[in-house]
Amino acid sequence: MRRCTIIRQTLSIKAIFLLNVLEELIASSARIKMLKILTKESGIRVTPLTRKVGRYGEVNRNLRLFEKAGIIKDERTVYRNRKIRTIYFLKETRRAQLLLKILALLSDDDDENESSKTHKR
């Protein structure tokens, strides 16, 4: 615990804020699943995203959180009297690049856990 305190004291306020934002973004398994989908598919519509993740309310709430953090762009258009909502992952932002690194670490950890389970059987 003392080590974390020392690390936080040496970081700038801006860096601590960024760490808190990133921690909030990966705090839920549904958010992690959404982030993985958003990073793989460029310009996904909300309906297919909802089918892959879960309930619309949960997806919408998480999308608002991502938009507030500045890692997605929410584009709304009308096509033949239908409202279409498309989500774009902003890979060029600093937060998005850090999230991609974190997701890579998490997926590496998941791969190691699954391989160790198969070797135990």
PDB file of N, CA and C in Angstrom:
ATOM      1  N   MET A   1       0.824  -1.191   0.000  1.00  0.00           N
ATOM      2  CA  MET A   1       0.000   0.000   0.000  1.00  0.00           C
ATOM      3  C   MET A   1       0.867   1.253   0.000  1.00  0.00           C
ATOM      4  N   ARG A   2       1.954   1.218   0.726  1.00  0.00           N
ATOM      5  CA  ARG A   2       2.852   2.367   0.789  1.00  0.00           C
ATOM      6  C   ARG A   2       3.456   2.654  -0.581  1.00  0.00           C
ATOM      7  N   ARG A   3       3.766   1.598  -1.326  1.00  0.00           N
ATOM      8  CA  ARG A   3       4.340   1.768  -2.654  1.00  0.00           C
ATOM      9  C   ARG A   3       3.389   2.509  -3.582  1.00  0.00           C
ATOM     10  N   CYS A   4       2.098   2.157  -3.567  1.00  0.00           N
ATOM     11  CA  CYS A   4       1.094   2.847  -4.392  1.00  0.00           C
ATOM     12  C   CYS A   4       1.003   4.315  -4.015  1.00  0.00           C
ATOM     13  N   THR A   5       1.078   4.605  -2.728  1.00  0.00           N
ATOM     14  CA  THR A   5       1.014   5.987  -2.269  1.00  0.00           C
ATOM     15  C   THR A   5       2.200   6.783  -2.791  1.00  0.00           C
ATOM     16  N   ILE A   6       3.374   6.196  -2.745  1.00  0.00           N
ATOM     17  CA  ILE A   6       4.570   6.874  -3.244  1.00  0.00           C
ATOM     18  C   ILE A   6       4.454   7.111  -4.747  1.00  0.00           C
ATOM     19  N   ILE A   7       3.976   6.106  -5.468  1.00  0.00           N
ATOM     20  CA  ILE A   7       3.814   6.260  -6.924  1.00  0.00           C
ATOM     21  C   ILE A   7       2.825   7.369  -7.225  1.00  0.00           C
ATOM     22  N   ARG A   8       1.704   7.394  -6.543  1.00  0.00           N
ATOM     23  CA  ARG A   8       0.702   8.427  -6.790  1.00  0.00           C
ATOM     24  C   ARG A   8       1.232   9.818  -6.445  1.00  0.00           C
ATOM     25  N   GLN A   9       2.076   9.912  -5.424  1.00  0.00           N
ATOM     26  CA  GLN A   9       2.625  11.210  -5.058  1.00  0.00           C
ATOM     27  C   GLN A   9       3.593  11.721  -6.116  1.00  0.00           C
ATOM     28  N   THR A  10       4.288  10.841  -6.789  1.00  0.00           N
ATOM     29  CA  THR A  10       5.246  11.268  -7.802  1.00  0.00           C
ATOM     30  C   THR A  10       4.584  11.600  -9.132  1.00  0.00           C
ATOM     31  N   LEU A  11       3.386  11.099  -9.345  1.00  0.00           N
ATOM     32  CA  LEU A  11       2.679  11.392 -10.585  1.00  0.00           C
ATOM     33  C   LEU A  11       2.061  12.784 -10.530  1.00  0.00           C
ATOM     34  N   SER A  12       1.912  13.366 -11.693  1.00  0.00           N
ATOM     35  CA  SER A  12       1.248  14.666 -11.748  1.00  0.00           C
ATOM     36  C   SER A  12      -0.249  14.482 -11.558  1.00  0.00           C
ATOM     37  N   ILE A  13      -0.928  15.560 -11.297  1.00  0.00           N
ATOM     38  CA  ILE A  13      -2.381  15.511 -11.112  1.00  0.00           C
ATOM     39  C   ILE A  13      -3.056  15.048 -12.391  1.00  0.00           C
ATOM     40  N   LYS A  14      -2.540  15.489 -13.522  1.00  0.00           N
ATOM     41  CA  LYS A  14      -3.109  15.093 -14.807  1.00  0.00           C
ATOM     42  C   LYS A  14      -2.970  13.590 -15.026  1.00  0.00           C
ATOM     43  N   ALA A  15      -1.823  13.032 -14.667  1.00  0.00           N
ATOM     44  CA  ALA A  15      -1.597  11.591 -14.818  1.00  0.00           C
ATOM     45  C   ALA A  15      -2.507  10.794 -13.887  1.00  0.00           C
ATOM     46  N   ILE A  16      -2.702  11.272 -12.678  1.00  0.00           N
ATOM     47  CA  ILE A  16      -3.601  10.594 -11.738  1.00  0.00           C
ATOM     48  C   ILE A  16      -5.029  10.610 -12.265  1.00  0.00           C
ATOM     49  N   PHE A  17      -5.447  11.749 -12.816  1.00  0.00           N
ATOM     50  CA  PHE A  17      -6.781  11.840 -13.401  1.00  0.00           C
ATOM     51  C   PHE A  17      -6.930  10.846 -14.545  1.00  0.00           C
ATOM     52  N   LEU A  18      -5.913  10.750 -15.395  1.00  0.00           N
ATOM     53  CA  LEU A  18      -5.945   9.820 -16.521  1.00  0.00           C
ATOM     54  C   LEU A  18      -6.029   8.382 -16.032  1.00  0.00           C
ATOM     55  N   LEU A  19      -5.277   8.045 -14.999  1.00  0.00           N
ATOM     56  CA  LEU A  19      -5.337   6.698 -14.426  1.00  0.00           C
ATOM     57  C   LEU A  19      -6.730   6.392 -13.879  1.00  0.00           C
ATOM     58  N   ASN A  20      -7.340   7.357 -13.209  1.00  0.00           N
ATOM     59  CA  ASN A  20      -8.683   7.157 -12.669  1.00  0.00           C
ATOM     60  C   ASN A  20      -9.702   6.944 -13.776  1.00  0.00           C
ATOM     61  N   VAL A  21      -9.583   7.710 -14.854  1.00  0.00           N
ATOM     62  CA  VAL A  21     -10.506   7.564 -15.987  1.00  0.00           C
ATOM     63  C   VAL A  21     -10.346   6.192 -16.620  1.00  0.00           C
ATOM     64  N   LEU A  22      -9.104   5.776 -16.857  1.00  0.00           N
ATOM     65  CA  LEU A  22      -8.854   4.470 -17.465  1.00  0.00           C
ATOM     66  C   LEU A  22      -9.347   3.338 -16.569  1.00  0.00           C
ATOM     67  N   GLU A  23      -9.150   3.491 -15.275  1.00  0.00           N
ATOM     68  CA  GLU A  23      -9.612   2.469 -14.329  1.00  0.00           C
ATOM     69  C   GLU A  23     -11.133   2.340 -14.381  1.00  0.00           C
ATOM     70  N   GLU A  24     -11.821   3.464 -14.484  1.00  0.00           N
ATOM     71  CA  GLU A  24     -13.286   3.430 -14.560  1.00  0.00           C
ATOM     72  C   GLU A  24     -13.752   2.775 -15.855  1.00  0.00           C
ATOM     73  N   LEU A  25     -13.027   2.997 -16.935  1.00  0.00           N
ATOM     74  CA  LEU A  25     -13.432   2.456 -18.234  1.00  0.00           C
ATOM     75  C   LEU A  25     -13.293   0.940 -18.308  1.00  0.00           C
ATOM     76  N   ILE A  26     -12.363   0.362 -17.560  1.00  0.00           N
ATOM     77  CA  ILE A  26     -12.179  -1.091 -17.620  1.00  0.00           C
ATOM     78  C   ILE A  26     -12.690  -1.793 -16.372  1.00  0.00           C
ATOM     79  N   ALA A  27     -13.496  -1.096 -15.585  1.00  0.00           N
ATOM     80  CA  ALA A  27     -13.984  -1.657 -14.325  1.00  0.00           C
ATOM     81  C   ALA A  27     -15.055  -2.724 -14.515  1.00  0.00           C
ATOM     82  N   SER A  28     -15.661  -2.797 -15.663  1.00  0.00           N
ATOM     83  CA  SER A  28     -16.756  -3.734 -15.877  1.00  0.00           C
ATOM     84  C   SER A  28     -16.417  -4.687 -17.025  1.00  0.00           C
ATOM     85  N   SER A  29     -16.839  -5.931 -16.899  1.00  0.00           N
ATOM     86  CA  SER A  29     -16.568  -6.903 -17.960  1.00  0.00           C
ATOM     87  C   SER A  29     -17.334  -6.551 -19.235  1.00  0.00           C
ATOM     88  N   ALA A  30     -18.521  -5.954 -19.083  1.00  0.00           N
ATOM     89  CA  ALA A  30     -19.288  -5.535 -20.267  1.00  0.00           C
ATOM     90  C   ALA A  30     -18.555  -4.418 -21.011  1.00  0.00           C
ATOM     91  N   ARG A  31     -17.947  -3.497 -20.275  1.00  0.00           N
ATOM     92  CA  ARG A  31     -17.186  -2.423 -20.924  1.00  0.00           C
ATOM     93  C   ARG A  31     -15.971  -2.975 -21.644  1.00  0.00           C
ATOM     94  N   ILE A  32     -15.301  -3.930 -21.031  1.00  0.00           N
ATOM     95  CA  ILE A  32     -14.141  -4.533 -21.673  1.00  0.00           C
ATOM     96  C   ILE A  32     -14.562  -5.239 -22.961  1.00  0.00           C
ATOM     97  N   LYS A  33     -15.676  -5.947 -22.911  1.00  0.00           N
ATOM     98  CA  LYS A  33     -16.179  -6.630 -24.101  1.00  0.00           C
ATOM     99  C   LYS A  33     -16.530  -5.616 -25.188  1.00  0.00           C
ATOM    100  N   MET A  34     -17.170  -4.514 -24.794  1.00  0.00           N
ATOM    101  CA  MET A  34     -17.518  -3.474 -25.761  1.00  0.00           C
ATOM    102  C   MET A  34     -16.267  -2.860 -26.364  1.00  0.00           C
ATOM    103  N   LEU A  35     -15.266  -2.596 -25.533  1.00  0.00           N
ATOM    104  CA  LEU A  35     -14.027  -2.001 -26.034  1.00  0.00           C
ATOM    105  C   LEU A  35     -13.335  -2.926 -27.026  1.00  0.00           C
ATOM    106  N   LYS A  36     -13.334  -4.210 -26.749  1.00  0.00           N
ATOM    107  CA  LYS A  36     -12.720  -5.166 -27.674  1.00  0.00           C
ATOM    108  C   LYS A  36     -13.441  -5.162 -29.009  1.00  0.00           C
ATOM    109  N   ILE A  37     -14.764  -5.097 -28.982  1.00  0.00           N
ATOM    110  CA  ILE A  37     -15.547  -5.058 -30.220  1.00  0.00           C
ATOM    111  C   ILE A  37     -15.298  -3.758 -30.967  1.00  0.00           C
ATOM    112  N   LEU A  38     -15.292  -2.640 -30.245  1.00  0.00           N
ATOM    113  CA  LEU A  38     -15.101  -1.339 -30.882  1.00  0.00           C
ATOM    114  C   LEU A  38     -13.713  -1.217 -31.505  1.00  0.00           C
ATOM    115  N   THR A  39     -12.714  -1.823 -30.906  1.00  0.00           N
ATOM    116  CA  THR A  39     -11.364  -1.736 -31.472  1.00  0.00           C
ATOM    117  C   THR A  39     -11.209  -2.600 -32.714  1.00  0.00           C
ATOM    118  N   LYS A  40     -11.969  -3.682 -32.798  1.00  0.00           N
ATOM    119  CA  LYS A  40     -11.868  -4.577 -33.954  1.00  0.00           C
ATOM    120  C   LYS A  40     -12.676  -4.085 -35.146  1.00  0.00           C
ATOM    121  N   GLU A  41     -13.845  -3.507 -34.884  1.00  0.00           N
ATOM    122  CA  GLU A  41     -14.746  -3.108 -35.960  1.00  0.00           C
ATOM    123  C   GLU A  41     -14.794  -1.589 -36.066  1.00  0.00           C
ATOM    124  N   SER A  42     -14.439  -1.087 -37.227  1.00  0.00           N
ATOM    125  CA  SER A  42     -14.457   0.356 -37.446  1.00  0.00           C
ATOM    126  C   SER A  42     -15.858   0.780 -37.875  1.00  0.00           C
ATOM    127  N   GLY A  43     -16.451   1.649 -37.122  1.00  0.00           N
ATOM    128  CA  GLY A  43     -17.772   2.159 -37.465  1.00  0.00           C
ATOM    129  C   GLY A  43     -18.885   1.141 -37.290  1.00  0.00           C
ATOM    130  N   ILE A  44     -19.087   0.683 -36.090  1.00  0.00           N
ATOM    131  CA  ILE A  44     -20.148  -0.290 -35.816  1.00  0.00           C
ATOM    132  C   ILE A  44     -21.413   0.443 -35.404  1.00  0.00           C
ATOM    133  N   ARG A  45     -22.525  -0.067 -35.870  1.00  0.00           N
ATOM    134  CA  ARG A  45     -23.813   0.512 -35.475  1.00  0.00           C
ATOM    135  C   ARG A  45     -24.206  -0.017 -34.101  1.00  0.00           C
ATOM    136  N   VAL A  46     -25.099   0.714 -33.453  1.00  0.00           N
ATOM    137  CA  VAL A  46     -25.468   0.376 -32.072  1.00  0.00           C
ATOM    138  C   VAL A  46     -26.244  -0.936 -31.995  1.00  0.00           C
ATOM    139  N   THR A  47     -27.107  -1.209 -32.953  1.00  0.00           N
ATOM    140  CA  THR A  47     -27.921  -2.427 -32.891  1.00  0.00           C
ATOM    141  C   THR A  47     -27.066  -3.696 -32.908  1.00  0.00           C
ATOM    142  N   PRO A  48     -26.123  -3.852 -33.843  1.00  0.00           N
ATOM    143  CA  PRO A  48     -25.272  -5.052 -33.780  1.00  0.00           C
ATOM    144  C   PRO A  48     -24.413  -5.111 -32.519  1.00  0.00           C
ATOM    145  N   LEU A  49     -23.977  -3.938 -32.053  1.00  0.00           N
ATOM    146  CA  LEU A  49     -23.199  -3.892 -30.811  1.00  0.00           C
ATOM    147  C   LEU A  49     -24.048  -4.384 -29.644  1.00  0.00           C
ATOM    148  N   THR A  50     -25.294  -3.972 -29.604  1.00  0.00           N
ATOM    149  CA  THR A  50     -26.206  -4.400 -28.539  1.00  0.00           C
ATOM    150  C   THR A  50     -26.442  -5.908 -28.607  1.00  0.00           C
ATOM    151  N   ARG A  51     -26.575  -6.441 -29.810  1.00  0.00           N
ATOM    152  CA  ARG A  51     -26.767  -7.886 -29.947  1.00  0.00           C
ATOM    153  C   ARG A  51     -25.579  -8.671 -29.395  1.00  0.00           C
ATOM    154  N   LYS A  52     -24.383  -8.134 -29.576  1.00  0.00           N
ATOM    155  CA  LYS A  52     -23.177  -8.839 -29.137  1.00  0.00           C
ATOM    156  C   LYS A  52     -22.920  -8.697 -27.636  1.00  0.00           C
ATOM    157  N   VAL A  53     -23.361  -7.571 -27.051  1.00  0.00           N
ATOM    158  CA  VAL A  53     -23.001  -7.279 -25.661  1.00  0.00           C
ATOM    159  C   VAL A  53     -24.130  -7.554 -24.686  1.00  0.00           C
ATOM    160  N   GLY A  54     -25.311  -7.044 -24.965  1.00  0.00           N
ATOM    161  CA  GLY A  54     -26.386  -7.216 -23.988  1.00  0.00           C
ATOM    162  C   GLY A  54     -27.495  -6.216 -24.185  1.00  0.00           C
ATOM    163  N   ARG A  55     -28.041  -5.752 -23.095  1.00  0.00           N
ATOM    164  CA  ARG A  55     -29.194  -4.849 -23.128  1.00  0.00           C
ATOM    165  C   ARG A  55     -28.821  -3.467 -23.654  1.00  0.00           C
ATOM    166  N   TYR A  56     -29.797  -2.818 -24.322  1.00  0.00           N
ATOM    167  CA  TYR A  56     -29.561  -1.509 -24.914  1.00  0.00           C
ATOM    168  C   TYR A  56     -29.230  -0.466 -23.849  1.00  0.00           C
ATOM    169  N   GLY A  57     -29.925  -0.492 -22.731  1.00  0.00           N
ATOM    170  CA  GLY A  57     -29.688   0.490 -21.677  1.00  0.00           C
ATOM    171  C   GLY A  57     -28.262   0.441 -21.164  1.00  0.00           C
ATOM    172  N   GLU A  58     -27.753  -0.765 -20.978  1.00  0.00           N
ATOM    173  CA  GLU A  58     -26.381  -0.938 -20.513  1.00  0.00           C
ATOM    174  C   GLU A  58     -25.381  -0.459 -21.569  1.00  0.00           C
ATOM    175  N   VAL A  59     -25.634  -0.816 -22.820  1.00  0.00           N
ATOM    176  CA  VAL A  59     -24.750  -0.399 -23.914  1.00  0.00           C
ATOM    177  C   VAL A  59     -24.758   1.120 -24.044  1.00  0.00           C
ATOM    178  N   ASN A  60     -25.938   1.711 -23.991  1.00  0.00           N
ATOM    179  CA  ASN A  60     -26.063   3.164 -24.126  1.00  0.00           C
ATOM    180  C   ASN A  60     -25.345   3.894 -22.989  1.00  0.00           C
ATOM    181  N   ARG A  61     -25.506   3.415 -21.773  1.00  0.00           N
ATOM    182  CA  ARG A  61     -24.848   4.025 -20.620  1.00  0.00           C
ATOM    183  C   ARG A  61     -23.328   3.964 -20.765  1.00  0.00           C
ATOM    184  N   ASN A  62     -22.817   2.807 -21.199  1.00  0.00           N
ATOM    185  CA  ASN A  62     -21.377   2.659 -21.380  1.00  0.00           C
ATOM    186  C   ASN A  62     -20.866   3.504 -22.540  1.00  0.00           C
ATOM    187  N   LEU A  63     -21.654   3.629 -23.592  1.00  0.00           N
ATOM    188  CA  LEU A  63     -21.250   4.478 -24.716  1.00  0.00           C
ATOM    189  C   LEU A  63     -21.153   5.941 -24.290  1.00  0.00           C
ATOM    190  N   ARG A  64     -22.078   6.383 -23.458  1.00  0.00           N
ATOM    191  CA  ARG A  64     -21.996   7.770 -22.951  1.00  0.00           C
ATOM    192  C   ARG A  64     -20.727   7.958 -22.125  1.00  0.00           C
ATOM    193  N   LEU A  65     -20.375   6.957 -21.339  1.00  0.00           N
ATOM    194  CA  LEU A  65     -19.155   7.009 -20.541  1.00  0.00           C
ATOM    195  C   LEU A  65     -17.918   7.078 -21.443  1.00  0.00           C
ATOM    196  N   PHE A  66     -17.893   6.264 -22.497  1.00  0.00           N
ATOM    197  CA  PHE A  66     -16.776   6.275 -23.442  1.00  0.00           C
ATOM    198  C   PHE A  66     -16.682   7.616 -24.167  1.00  0.00           C
ATOM    199  N   GLU A  67     -17.837   8.161 -24.522  1.00  0.00           N
ATOM    200  CA  GLU A  67     -17.838   9.445 -25.230  1.00  0.00           C
ATOM    201  C   GLU A  67     -17.348  10.569 -24.312  1.00  0.00           C
ATOM    202  N   LYS A  68     -17.759  10.524 -23.069  1.00  0.00           N
ATOM    203  CA  LYS A  68     -17.303  11.521 -22.093  1.00  0.00           C
ATOM    204  C   LYS A  68     -15.792  11.431 -21.899  1.00  0.00           C
ATOM    205  N   ALA A  69     -15.246  10.218 -21.956  1.00  0.00           N
ATOM    206  CA  ALA A  69     -13.805  10.021 -21.820  1.00  0.00           C
ATOM    207  C   ALA A  69     -13.046  10.407 -23.088  1.00  0.00           C
ATOM    208  N   GLY A  70     -13.762  10.573 -24.192  1.00  0.00           N
ATOM    209  CA  GLY A  70     -13.134  11.005 -25.438  1.00  0.00           C
ATOM    210  C   GLY A  70     -12.491   9.903 -26.245  1.00  0.00           C
ATOM    211  N   ILE A  71     -12.977   8.661 -26.101  1.00  0.00           N
ATOM    212  CA  ILE A  71     -12.375   7.570 -26.866  1.00  0.00           C
ATOM    213  C   ILE A  71     -13.260   7.074 -28.001  1.00  0.00           C
ATOM    214  N   ILE A  72     -14.502   7.563 -28.077  1.00  0.00           N
ATOM    215  CA  ILE A  72     -15.371   7.205 -29.203  1.00  0.00           C
ATOM    216  C   ILE A  72     -16.011   8.456 -29.782  1.00  0.00           C
ATOM    217  N   LYS A  73     -16.483   8.294 -31.005  1.00  0.00           N
ATOM    218  CA  LYS A  73     -17.268   9.338 -31.658  1.00  0.00           C
ATOM    219  C   LYS A  73     -18.619   8.724 -31.978  1.00  0.00           C
ATOM    220  N   ASP A  74     -19.669   9.368 -31.537  1.00  0.00           N
ATOM    221  CA  ASP A  74     -21.033   8.896 -31.728  1.00  0.00           C
ATOM    222  C   ASP A  74     -21.645   9.716 -32.863  1.00  0.00           C
ATOM    223  N   GLU A  75     -21.899   9.072 -33.992  1.00  0.00           N
ATOM    224  CA  GLU A  75     -22.430   9.778 -35.161  1.00  0.00           C
ATOM    225  C   GLU A  75     -23.857   9.331 -35.434  1.00  0.00           C
ATOM    226  N   ARG A  76     -24.750  10.306 -35.535  1.00  0.00           N
ATOM    227  CA  ARG A  76     -26.161   9.992 -35.790  1.00  0.00           C
ATOM    228  C   ARG A  76     -26.562  10.549 -37.151  1.00  0.00           C
ATOM    229  N   THR A  77     -27.150   9.681 -37.978  1.00  0.00           N
ATOM    230  CA  THR A  77     -27.586  10.085 -39.313  1.00  0.00           C
ATOM    231  C   THR A  77     -28.992   9.565 -39.557  1.00  0.00           C
ATOM    232  N   VAL A  78     -29.608  10.088 -40.613  1.00  0.00           N
ATOM    233  CA  VAL A  78     -30.930   9.618 -41.020  1.00  0.00           C
ATOM    234  C   VAL A  78     -30.799   9.083 -42.442  1.00  0.00           C
ATOM    235  N   TYR A  79     -31.269   7.867 -42.645  1.00  0.00           N
ATOM    236  CA  TYR A  79     -31.210   7.231 -43.952  1.00  0.00           C
ATOM    237  C   TYR A  79     -32.567   6.596 -44.229  1.00  0.00           C
ATOM    238  N   ARG A  80     -33.252   7.083 -45.261  1.00  0.00           N
ATOM    239  CA  ARG A  80     -34.590   6.578 -45.629  1.00  0.00           C
ATOM    240  C   ARG A  80     -35.530   6.546 -44.424  1.00  0.00           C
ATOM    241  N   ASN A  81     -35.627   7.672 -43.768  1.00  0.00           N
ATOM    242  CA  ASN A  81     -36.505   7.863 -42.612  1.00  0.00           C
ATOM    243  C   ASN A  81     -36.158   6.978 -41.417  1.00  0.00           C
ATOM    244  N   ARG A  82     -34.936   6.488 -41.355  1.00  0.00           N
ATOM    245  CA  ARG A  82     -34.486   5.700 -40.212  1.00  0.00           C
ATOM    246  C   ARG A  82     -33.319   6.417 -39.551  1.00  0.00           C
ATOM    247  N   LYS A  83     -33.343   6.419 -38.242  1.00  0.00           N
ATOM    248  CA  LYS A  83     -32.226   6.991 -37.492  1.00  0.00           C
ATOM    249  C   LYS A  83     -31.161   5.917 -37.326  1.00  0.00           C
ATOM    250  N   ILE A  84     -29.953   6.260 -37.739  1.00  0.00           N
ATOM    251  CA  ILE A  84     -28.839   5.320 -37.648  1.00  0.00           C
ATOM    252  C   ILE A  84     -27.784   5.928 -36.739  1.00  0.00           C
ATOM    253  N   ARG A  85     -27.338   5.143 -35.798  1.00  0.00           N
ATOM    254  CA  ARG A  85     -26.327   5.592 -34.846  1.00  0.00           C
ATOM    255  C   ARG A  85     -25.087   4.712 -35.011  1.00  0.00           C
ATOM    256  N   THR A  86     -23.991   5.348 -35.412  1.00  0.00           N
ATOM    257  CA  THR A  86     -22.749   4.630 -35.661  1.00  0.00           C
ATOM    258  C   THR A  86     -21.692   5.092 -34.666  1.00  0.00           C
ATOM    259  N   ILE A  87     -20.934   4.144 -34.134  1.00  0.00           N
ATOM    260  CA  ILE A  87     -19.905   4.430 -33.143  1.00  0.00           C
ATOM    261  C   ILE A  87     -18.536   4.186 -33.767  1.00  0.00           C
ATOM    262  N   TYR A  88     -17.654   5.165 -33.619  1.00  0.00           N
ATOM    263  CA  TYR A  88     -16.280   5.062 -34.107  1.00  0.00           C
ATOM    264  C   TYR A  88     -15.319   5.138 -32.923  1.00  0.00           C
ATOM    265  N   PHE A  89     -14.386   4.212 -32.860  1.00  0.00           N
ATOM    266  CA  PHE A  89     -13.348   4.221 -31.825  1.00  0.00           C
ATOM    267  C   PHE A  89     -12.243   5.152 -32.289  1.00  0.00           C
ATOM    268  N   LEU A  90     -11.880   6.129 -31.475  1.00  0.00           N
ATOM    269  CA  LEU A  90     -10.866   7.121 -31.833  1.00  0.00           C
ATOM    270  C   LEU A  90      -9.483   6.603 -31.424  1.00  0.00           C
ATOM    271  N   LYS A  91      -8.864   5.826 -32.313  1.00  0.00           N
ATOM    272  CA  LYS A  91      -7.587   5.173 -32.007  1.00  0.00           C
ATOM    273  C   LYS A  91      -6.440   6.153 -31.831  1.00  0.00           C
ATOM    274  N   GLU A  92      -6.564   7.343 -32.400  1.00  0.00           N
ATOM    275  CA  GLU A  92      -5.441   8.286 -32.363  1.00  0.00           C
ATOM    276  C   GLU A  92      -5.329   9.058 -31.053  1.00  0.00           C
ATOM    277  N   THR A  93      -6.328   8.996 -30.187  1.00  0.00           N
ATOM    278  CA  THR A  93      -6.241   9.721 -28.923  1.00  0.00           C
ATOM    279  C   THR A  93      -5.327   8.980 -27.940  1.00  0.00           C
ATOM    280  N   ARG A  94      -4.755   9.737 -27.020  1.00  0.00           N
ATOM    281  CA  ARG A  94      -3.821   9.155 -26.047  1.00  0.00           C
ATOM    282  C   ARG A  94      -4.519   8.136 -25.143  1.00  0.00           C
ATOM    283  N   ARG A  95      -5.705   8.473 -24.703  1.00  0.00           N
ATOM    284  CA  ARG A  95      -6.451   7.553 -23.827  1.00  0.00           C
ATOM    285  C   ARG A  95      -6.774   6.257 -24.548  1.00  0.00           C
ATOM    286  N   ALA A  96      -7.164   6.376 -25.811  1.00  0.00           N
ATOM    287  CA  ALA A  96      -7.501   5.176 -26.577  1.00  0.00           C
ATOM    288  C   ALA A  96      -6.274   4.296 -26.769  1.00  0.00           C
ATOM    289  N   GLN A  97      -5.116   4.898 -27.013  1.00  0.00           N
ATOM    290  CA  GLN A  97      -3.893   4.118 -27.177  1.00  0.00           C
ATOM    291  C   GLN A  97      -3.509   3.414 -25.874  1.00  0.00           C
ATOM    292  N   LEU A  98      -3.683   4.098 -24.753  1.00  0.00           N
ATOM    293  CA  LEU A  98      -3.413   3.453 -23.463  1.00  0.00           C
ATOM    294  C   LEU A  98      -4.394   2.305 -23.210  1.00  0.00           C
ATOM    295  N   LEU A  99      -5.652   2.518 -23.567  1.00  0.00           N
ATOM    296  CA  LEU A  99      -6.644   1.451 -23.402  1.00  0.00           C
ATOM    297  C   LEU A  99      -6.311   0.247 -24.271  1.00  0.00           C
ATOM    298  N   LEU A 100      -5.836   0.492 -25.487  1.00  0.00           N
ATOM    299  CA  LEU A 100      -5.450  -0.616 -26.360  1.00  0.00           C
ATOM    300  C   LEU A 100      -4.320  -1.434 -25.738  1.00  0.00           C
ATOM    301  N   LYS A 101      -3.362  -0.754 -25.115  1.00  0.00           N
ATOM    302  CA  LYS A 101      -2.275  -1.464 -24.446  1.00  0.00           C
ATOM    303  C   LYS A 101      -2.793  -2.277 -23.266  1.00  0.00           C
ATOM    304  N   ILE A 102      -3.701  -1.683 -22.504  1.00  0.00           N
ATOM    305  CA  ILE A 102      -4.285  -2.395 -21.354  1.00  0.00           C
ATOM    306  C   ILE A 102      -5.081  -3.603 -21.818  1.00  0.00           C
ATOM    307  N   LEU A 103      -5.869  -3.441 -22.878  1.00  0.00           N
ATOM    308  CA  LEU A 103      -6.652  -4.559 -23.406  1.00  0.00           C
ATOM    309  C   LEU A 103      -5.736  -5.671 -23.914  1.00  0.00           C
ATOM    310  N   ALA A 104      -4.616  -5.304 -24.519  1.00  0.00           N
ATOM    311  CA  ALA A 104      -3.667  -6.314 -24.987  1.00  0.00           C
ATOM    312  C   ALA A 104      -3.099  -7.089 -23.801  1.00  0.00           C
ATOM    313  N   LEU A 105      -2.777  -6.371 -22.732  1.00  0.00           N
ATOM    314  CA  LEU A 105      -2.278  -7.045 -21.531  1.00  0.00           C
ATOM    315  C   LEU A 105      -3.332  -7.960 -20.930  1.00  0.00           C
ATOM    316  N   LEU A 106      -4.572  -7.482 -20.896  1.00  0.00           N
ATOM    317  CA  LEU A 106      -5.652  -8.304 -20.347  1.00  0.00           C
ATOM    318  C   LEU A 106      -5.894  -9.542 -21.197  1.00  0.00           C
ATOM    319  N   SER A 107      -5.846  -9.407 -22.516  1.00  0.00           N
ATOM    320  CA  SER A 107      -6.081 -10.569 -23.375  1.00  0.00           C
ATOM    321  C   SER A 107      -4.916 -11.552 -23.278  1.00  0.00           C
ATOM    322  N   ASP A 108      -3.686 -11.049 -23.102  1.00  0.00           N
ATOM    323  CA  ASP A 108      -2.544 -11.939 -22.889  1.00  0.00           C
ATOM    324  C   ASP A 108      -2.715 -12.721 -21.594  1.00  0.00           C
ATOM    325  N   ASP A 109      -3.196 -12.038 -20.560  1.00  0.00           N
ATOM    326  CA  ASP A 109      -3.423 -12.683 -19.267  1.00  0.00           C
ATOM    327  C   ASP A 109      -4.521 -13.734 -19.384  1.00  0.00           C
ATOM    328  N   ASP A 110      -5.594 -13.414 -20.123  1.00  0.00           N
ATOM    329  CA  ASP A 110      -6.677 -14.379 -20.334  1.00  0.00           C
ATOM    330  C   ASP A 110      -6.173 -15.604 -21.086  1.00  0.00           C
ATOM    331  N   ASP A 111      -5.334 -15.386 -22.108  1.00  0.00           N
ATOM    332  CA  ASP A 111      -4.783 -16.496 -22.876  1.00  0.00           C
ATOM    333  C   ASP A 111      -3.929 -17.412 -21.997  1.00  0.00           C
ATOM    334  N   GLU A 112      -3.123 -16.807 -21.115  1.00  0.00           N
ATOM    335  CA  GLU A 112      -2.286 -17.598 -20.218  1.00  0.00           C
ATOM    336  C   GLU A 112      -3.137 -18.401 -19.245  1.00  0.00           C
ATOM    337  N   ASN A 113      -4.208 -17.793 -18.721  1.00  0.00           N
ATOM    338  CA  ASN A 113      -5.089 -18.499 -17.786  1.00  0.00           C
ATOM    339  C   ASN A 113      -5.760 -19.679 -18.465  1.00  0.00           C
ATOM    340  N   GLU A 114      -6.226 -19.514 -19.702  1.00  0.00           N
ATOM    341  CA  GLU A 114      -6.900 -20.595 -20.411  1.00  0.00           C
ATOM    342  C   GLU A 114      -5.926 -21.711 -20.768  1.00  0.00           C
ATOM    343  N   SER A 115      -4.703 -21.351 -21.146  1.00  0.00           N
ATOM    344  CA  SER A 115      -3.729 -22.394 -21.489  1.00  0.00           C
ATOM    345  C   SER A 115      -3.326 -23.189 -20.239  1.00  0.00           C
ATOM    346  N   SER A 116      -3.242 -22.523 -19.098  1.00  0.00           N
ATOM    347  CA  SER A 116      -2.904 -23.249 -17.871  1.00  0.00           C
ATOM    348  C   SER A 116      -4.041 -24.172 -17.441  1.00  0.00           C
ATOM    349  N   LYS A 117      -5.284 -23.772 -17.723  1.00  0.00           N
ATOM    350  CA  LYS A 117      -6.416 -24.635 -17.405  1.00  0.00           C
ATOM    351  C   LYS A 117      -6.422 -25.885 -18.272  1.00  0.00           C
ATOM    352  N   THR A 118      -6.092 -25.723 -19.553  1.00  0.00           N
ATOM    353  CA  THR A 118      -6.098 -26.892 -20.435  1.00  0.00           C
ATOM    354  C   THR A 118      -4.951 -27.842 -20.108  1.00  0.00           C
ATOM    355  N   HIS A 119      -3.819 -27.332 -19.635  1.00  0.00           N
ATOM    356  CA  HIS A 119      -2.697 -28.190 -19.284  1.00  0.00           C
ATOM    357  C   HIS A 119      -2.966 -28.960 -17.992  1.00  0.00           C
ATOM    358  N   LYS A 120      -3.785 -28.415 -17.099  1.00  0.00           N
ATOM    359  CA  LYS A 120      -4.093 -29.093 -15.845  1.00  0.00           C
ATOM    360  C   LYS A 120      -5.030 -30.280 -16.051  1.00  0.00           C
ATOM    361  N   ARG A 121      -5.829 -30.239 -17.092  1.00  0.00           N
ATOM    362  CA  ARG A 121      -6.809 -31.311 -17.322  1.00  0.00           C
ATOM    363  C   ARG A 121      -6.158 -32.511 -17.837  1.00  0.00           C
TER     364      ARG A 121
END
